[in-house]
């Protein structure tokens, strides 16, 4: 019986030694688009179809590293979709500056990424999981943030009660 107890003690010490090898001070952030689950569908950008111009002399000179005529140009596409003049929009520059200015009209913090990373680390350190979850490296990220989740159906009902039309919202799955 003493040999069996020694084996269990040795196995327990080995598990604790392996658990001590992790770095609890700087946990790896969880990314929604992890490379381990497969290809990232958002990294594939469709291009416009290649077209043969009527006059080859109308083609611009080669510009290595420059913009290709079939590359996506979201700013130009937005201006075109809204009925504006794409050439005038490109001449003024991108709309990013105006968007950032409008979004930051109440003030903004240039150090927001570092602040959010520090707050995320603090939340995750307070919610590290139970003993066996820590020993076996079970991901408790979603449970740590569960109190902050937005109930999309309750929010949808709140907006509908306020009189806002939401015709494209999907029904609650039953």
C-alpha atoms as a PDB file:
ATOM      1  CA  UNK A   1       0.000   0.000   0.000  1.00  0.00           C
ATOM      2  CA  UNK A   2       2.871   2.402   0.694  1.00  0.00           C
ATOM      3  CA  UNK A   3       4.180   1.960  -2.865  1.00  0.00           C
ATOM      4  CA  UNK A   4       0.812   2.974  -4.313  1.00  0.00           C
ATOM      5  CA  UNK A   5       0.719   6.090  -2.131  1.00  0.00           C
ATOM      6  CA  UNK A   6       4.219   7.048  -3.248  1.00  0.00           C
ATOM      7  CA  UNK A   7       3.191   6.694  -6.880  1.00  0.00           C
ATOM      8  CA  UNK A   8       0.207   8.986  -6.329  1.00  0.00           C
ATOM      9  CA  UNK A   9       2.374  11.529  -4.532  1.00  0.00           C
ATOM     10  CA  UNK A  10       4.931  11.419  -7.362  1.00  0.00           C
ATOM     11  CA  UNK A  11       2.213  11.862  -9.995  1.00  0.00           C
ATOM     12  CA  UNK A  12       0.712  14.760  -8.028  1.00  0.00           C
ATOM     13  CA  UNK A  13       4.127  16.415  -7.756  1.00  0.00           C
ATOM     14  CA  UNK A  14       4.673  15.974 -11.515  1.00  0.00           C
ATOM     15  CA  UNK A  15       1.307  17.583 -12.301  1.00  0.00           C
ATOM     16  CA  UNK A  16       2.057  20.508  -9.994  1.00  0.00           C
ATOM     17  CA  UNK A  17       5.527  20.922 -11.523  1.00  0.00           C
ATOM     18  CA  UNK A  18       4.012  21.063 -15.015  1.00  0.00           C
ATOM     19  CA  UNK A  19       1.385  23.567 -13.873  1.00  0.00           C
ATOM     20  CA  UNK A  20       4.140  25.763 -12.432  1.00  0.00           C
ATOM     21  CA  UNK A  21       5.761  25.988 -15.867  1.00  0.00           C
ATOM     22  CA  UNK A  22       2.965  28.221 -17.169  1.00  0.00           C
ATOM     23  CA  UNK A  23       3.235  32.012 -17.090  1.00  0.00           C
ATOM     24  CA  UNK A  24       0.232  33.278 -15.089  1.00  0.00           C
ATOM     25  CA  UNK A  25       1.532  36.867 -15.038  1.00  0.00           C
ATOM     26  CA  UNK A  26       1.186  37.341 -18.777  1.00  0.00           C
ATOM     27  CA  UNK A  27      -1.552  35.097 -20.172  1.00  0.00           C
ATOM     28  CA  UNK A  28      -1.910  34.916 -23.927  1.00  0.00           C
ATOM     29  CA  UNK A  29      -4.838  36.984 -25.154  1.00  0.00           C
ATOM     30  CA  UNK A  30      -7.613  35.014 -26.751  1.00  0.00           C
ATOM     31  CA  UNK A  31      -8.128  35.914 -30.380  1.00  0.00           C
ATOM     32  CA  UNK A  32     -11.413  35.361 -32.178  1.00  0.00           C
ATOM     33  CA  UNK A  33      -9.577  34.410 -35.373  1.00  0.00           C
ATOM     34  CA  UNK A  34      -7.034  31.911 -34.126  1.00  0.00           C
ATOM     35  CA  UNK A  35      -4.712  30.346 -36.679  1.00  0.00           C
ATOM     36  CA  UNK A  36      -5.266  26.942 -35.080  1.00  0.00           C
ATOM     37  CA  UNK A  37      -8.920  26.606 -36.128  1.00  0.00           C
ATOM     38  CA  UNK A  38      -8.401  26.946 -39.847  1.00  0.00           C
ATOM     39  CA  UNK A  39      -8.170  29.669 -42.458  1.00  0.00           C
ATOM     40  CA  UNK A  40      -9.172  33.230 -41.672  1.00  0.00           C
ATOM     41  CA  UNK A  41     -12.022  34.029 -44.016  1.00  0.00           C
ATOM     42  CA  UNK A  42     -11.611  37.756 -43.371  1.00  0.00           C
ATOM     43  CA  UNK A  43      -8.091  37.809 -44.784  1.00  0.00           C
ATOM     44  CA  UNK A  44      -9.332  36.772 -48.235  1.00  0.00           C
ATOM     45  CA  UNK A  45     -10.276  39.897 -50.163  1.00  0.00           C
ATOM     46  CA  UNK A  46     -12.084  39.531 -53.449  1.00  0.00           C
ATOM     47  CA  UNK A  47     -10.684  41.543 -56.315  1.00  0.00           C
ATOM     48  CA  UNK A  48     -12.478  42.897 -59.310  1.00  0.00           C
ATOM     49  CA  UNK A  49     -12.302  40.779 -62.457  1.00  0.00           C
ATOM     50  CA  UNK A  50      -9.434  41.514 -64.815  1.00  0.00           C
ATOM     51  CA  UNK A  51     -10.483  43.452 -67.868  1.00  0.00           C
ATOM     52  CA  UNK A  52      -8.842  44.146 -71.176  1.00  0.00           C
ATOM     53  CA  UNK A  53      -8.898  47.862 -72.012  1.00  0.00           C
ATOM     54  CA  UNK A  54      -9.854  48.901 -75.527  1.00  0.00           C
ATOM     55  CA  UNK A  55      -6.606  50.844 -75.852  1.00  0.00           C
ATOM     56  CA  UNK A  56      -3.467  49.471 -74.169  1.00  0.00           C
ATOM     57  CA  UNK A  57      -1.881  52.922 -74.211  1.00  0.00           C
ATOM     58  CA  UNK A  58      -4.504  54.036 -71.654  1.00  0.00           C
ATOM     59  CA  UNK A  59      -2.973  51.746 -69.018  1.00  0.00           C
ATOM     60  CA  UNK A  60      -0.980  53.495 -66.292  1.00  0.00           C
ATOM     61  CA  UNK A  61       2.760  52.783 -66.102  1.00  0.00           C
ATOM     62  CA  UNK A  62       3.796  49.902 -63.824  1.00  0.00           C
ATOM     63  CA  UNK A  63       3.984  50.954 -60.195  1.00  0.00           C
ATOM     64  CA  UNK A  64       5.613  48.235 -58.036  1.00  0.00           C
ATOM     65  CA  UNK A  65       4.080  48.314 -54.579  1.00  0.00           C
ATOM     66  CA  UNK A  66       1.400  50.756 -55.721  1.00  0.00           C
ATOM     67  CA  UNK A  67      -2.332  50.368 -56.110  1.00  0.00           C
ATOM     68  CA  UNK A  68      -3.564  47.844 -58.634  1.00  0.00           C
ATOM     69  CA  UNK A  69      -6.695  48.648 -60.650  1.00  0.00           C
ATOM     70  CA  UNK A  70      -8.378  45.438 -59.422  1.00  0.00           C
ATOM     71  CA  UNK A  71      -7.462  45.888 -55.741  1.00  0.00           C
ATOM     72  CA  UNK A  72     -10.310  46.652 -53.341  1.00  0.00           C
ATOM     73  CA  UNK A  73     -10.688  50.376 -52.689  1.00  0.00           C
ATOM     74  CA  UNK A  74     -13.337  50.630 -49.951  1.00  0.00           C
ATOM     75  CA  UNK A  75     -13.340  54.441 -49.735  1.00  0.00           C
ATOM     76  CA  UNK A  76     -13.905  54.799 -53.473  1.00  0.00           C
ATOM     77  CA  UNK A  77     -16.540  52.046 -53.423  1.00  0.00           C
ATOM     78  CA  UNK A  78     -18.430  53.770 -50.609  1.00  0.00           C
ATOM     79  CA  UNK A  79     -18.384  57.133 -52.395  1.00  0.00           C
ATOM     80  CA  UNK A  80     -19.540  55.463 -55.612  1.00  0.00           C
ATOM     81  CA  UNK A  81     -22.325  53.570 -53.794  1.00  0.00           C
ATOM     82  CA  UNK A  82     -23.561  56.787 -52.198  1.00  0.00           C
ATOM     83  CA  UNK A  83     -23.633  58.565 -55.546  1.00  0.00           C
ATOM     84  CA  UNK A  84     -20.566  60.738 -55.064  1.00  0.00           C
ATOM     85  CA  UNK A  85     -17.588  61.405 -57.287  1.00  0.00           C
ATOM     86  CA  UNK A  86     -14.864  58.814 -56.550  1.00  0.00           C
ATOM     87  CA  UNK A  87     -12.163  60.928 -58.221  1.00  0.00           C
ATOM     88  CA  UNK A  88     -12.937  63.873 -55.925  1.00  0.00           C
ATOM     89  CA  UNK A  89     -12.915  61.626 -52.846  1.00  0.00           C
ATOM     90  CA  UNK A  90      -9.526  60.166 -53.725  1.00  0.00           C
ATOM     91  CA  UNK A  91      -8.120  63.632 -54.478  1.00  0.00           C
ATOM     92  CA  UNK A  92      -9.077  64.837 -50.972  1.00  0.00           C
ATOM     93  CA  UNK A  93      -7.560  61.774 -49.320  1.00  0.00           C
ATOM     94  CA  UNK A  94      -9.193  58.953 -47.461  1.00  0.00           C
ATOM     95  CA  UNK A  95     -12.228  59.361 -45.266  1.00  0.00           C
ATOM     96  CA  UNK A  96     -10.397  57.801 -42.306  1.00  0.00           C
ATOM     97  CA  UNK A  97      -9.334  61.176 -40.943  1.00  0.00           C
ATOM     98  CA  UNK A  98     -12.907  62.471 -40.905  1.00  0.00           C
ATOM     99  CA  UNK A  99     -14.173  59.261 -39.307  1.00  0.00           C
ATOM    100  CA  UNK A 100     -11.529  59.380 -36.566  1.00  0.00           C
ATOM    101  CA  UNK A 101     -12.219  63.070 -35.961  1.00  0.00           C
ATOM    102  CA  UNK A 102     -15.957  62.452 -35.662  1.00  0.00           C
ATOM    103  CA  UNK A 103     -15.538  59.405 -33.425  1.00  0.00           C
ATOM    104  CA  UNK A 104     -13.110  61.220 -31.122  1.00  0.00           C
ATOM    105  CA  UNK A 105     -15.098  64.463 -30.873  1.00  0.00           C
ATOM    106  CA  UNK A 106     -15.715  63.820 -27.146  1.00  0.00           C
ATOM    107  CA  UNK A 107     -12.028  63.106 -26.574  1.00  0.00           C
ATOM    108  CA  UNK A 108      -9.893  60.039 -26.979  1.00  0.00           C
ATOM    109  CA  UNK A 109      -7.037  58.300 -25.258  1.00  0.00           C
ATOM    110  CA  UNK A 110      -3.962  57.552 -27.361  1.00  0.00           C
ATOM    111  CA  UNK A 111      -2.989  54.875 -24.835  1.00  0.00           C
ATOM    112  CA  UNK A 112      -6.295  52.971 -25.063  1.00  0.00           C
ATOM    113  CA  UNK A 113      -4.767  49.686 -26.249  1.00  0.00           C
ATOM    114  CA  UNK A 114      -2.376  49.487 -23.291  1.00  0.00           C
ATOM    115  CA  UNK A 115      -5.186  50.441 -20.898  1.00  0.00           C
ATOM    116  CA  UNK A 116      -7.517  47.763 -22.297  1.00  0.00           C
ATOM    117  CA  UNK A 117      -4.765  45.138 -22.170  1.00  0.00           C
ATOM    118  CA  UNK A 118      -4.088  45.981 -18.508  1.00  0.00           C
ATOM    119  CA  UNK A 119      -7.805  45.839 -17.640  1.00  0.00           C
ATOM    120  CA  UNK A 120      -8.171  42.535 -19.505  1.00  0.00           C
ATOM    121  CA  UNK A 121      -5.213  41.089 -17.601  1.00  0.00           C
ATOM    122  CA  UNK A 122      -6.719  42.215 -14.275  1.00  0.00           C
ATOM    123  CA  UNK A 123     -10.101  40.621 -15.085  1.00  0.00           C
ATOM    124  CA  UNK A 124      -8.480  37.388 -16.190  1.00  0.00           C
ATOM    125  CA  UNK A 125      -6.266  37.232 -13.091  1.00  0.00           C
ATOM    126  CA  UNK A 126      -9.355  37.618 -10.877  1.00  0.00           C
ATOM    127  CA  UNK A 127     -11.135  34.875 -12.864  1.00  0.00           C
ATOM    128  CA  UNK A 128      -8.394  32.299 -13.327  1.00  0.00           C
ATOM    129  CA  UNK A 129     -10.717  29.315 -12.922  1.00  0.00           C
ATOM    130  CA  UNK A 130     -10.922  26.522 -10.428  1.00  0.00           C
ATOM    131  CA  UNK A 131      -7.954  24.403  -9.415  1.00  0.00           C
ATOM    132  CA  UNK A 132      -8.425  21.633 -11.992  1.00  0.00           C
ATOM    133  CA  UNK A 133      -9.144  24.184 -14.727  1.00  0.00           C
ATOM    134  CA  UNK A 134      -5.808  25.845 -13.981  1.00  0.00           C
ATOM    135  CA  UNK A 135      -3.969  22.515 -13.734  1.00  0.00           C
ATOM    136  CA  UNK A 136      -5.293  21.317 -17.094  1.00  0.00           C
ATOM    137  CA  UNK A 137      -5.211  24.767 -18.780  1.00  0.00           C
ATOM    138  CA  UNK A 138      -8.947  24.889 -19.470  1.00  0.00           C
ATOM    139  CA  UNK A 139      -9.935  28.108 -21.195  1.00  0.00           C
ATOM    140  CA  UNK A 140     -12.122  30.167 -18.833  1.00  0.00           C
ATOM    141  CA  UNK A 141     -12.000  33.356 -20.910  1.00  0.00           C
ATOM    142  CA  UNK A 142     -15.694  33.337 -21.856  1.00  0.00           C
ATOM    143  CA  UNK A 143     -16.818  32.638 -18.287  1.00  0.00           C
ATOM    144  CA  UNK A 144     -14.655  35.531 -17.028  1.00  0.00           C
ATOM    145  CA  UNK A 145     -16.493  37.958 -19.319  1.00  0.00           C
ATOM    146  CA  UNK A 146     -19.951  36.374 -19.121  1.00  0.00           C
ATOM    147  CA  UNK A 147     -21.282  39.090 -16.764  1.00  0.00           C
ATOM    148  CA  UNK A 148     -20.487  41.698 -19.453  1.00  0.00           C
ATOM    149  CA  UNK A 149     -22.245  39.925 -22.321  1.00  0.00           C
ATOM    150  CA  UNK A 150     -25.099  41.724 -24.021  1.00  0.00           C
ATOM    151  CA  UNK A 151     -28.311  39.735 -24.301  1.00  0.00           C
ATOM    152  CA  UNK A 152     -29.052  40.549 -27.925  1.00  0.00           C
ATOM    153  CA  UNK A 153     -32.680  39.428 -27.757  1.00  0.00           C
ATOM    154  CA  UNK A 154     -33.445  41.479 -24.629  1.00  0.00           C
ATOM    155  CA  UNK A 155     -31.798  44.481 -26.303  1.00  0.00           C
ATOM    156  CA  UNK A 156     -33.833  43.856 -29.460  1.00  0.00           C
ATOM    157  CA  UNK A 157     -37.043  43.815 -27.418  1.00  0.00           C
ATOM    158  CA  UNK A 158     -36.000  47.020 -25.626  1.00  0.00           C
ATOM    159  CA  UNK A 159     -35.529  48.800 -28.955  1.00  0.00           C
ATOM    160  CA  UNK A 160     -38.807  47.439 -30.316  1.00  0.00           C
ATOM    161  CA  UNK A 161     -40.672  48.661 -27.203  1.00  0.00           C
ATOM    162  CA  UNK A 162     -39.111  52.079 -27.835  1.00  0.00           C
ATOM    163  CA  UNK A 163     -40.713  52.075 -31.287  1.00  0.00           C
ATOM    164  CA  UNK A 164     -37.619  51.383 -33.398  1.00  0.00           C
ATOM    165  CA  UNK A 165     -38.346  49.178 -36.402  1.00  0.00           C
ATOM    166  CA  UNK A 166     -36.051  46.146 -36.611  1.00  0.00           C
ATOM    167  CA  UNK A 167     -37.349  44.188 -39.614  1.00  0.00           C
ATOM    168  CA  UNK A 168     -34.114  42.345 -40.386  1.00  0.00           C
ATOM    169  CA  UNK A 169     -33.410  41.070 -36.874  1.00  0.00           C
ATOM    170  CA  UNK A 170     -33.535  37.264 -36.677  1.00  0.00           C
ATOM    171  CA  UNK A 171     -36.042  35.612 -34.358  1.00  0.00           C
ATOM    172  CA  UNK A 172     -34.922  33.982 -31.112  1.00  0.00           C
ATOM    173  CA  UNK A 173     -33.958  30.341 -31.759  1.00  0.00           C
ATOM    174  CA  UNK A 174     -36.143  27.898 -29.820  1.00  0.00           C
END
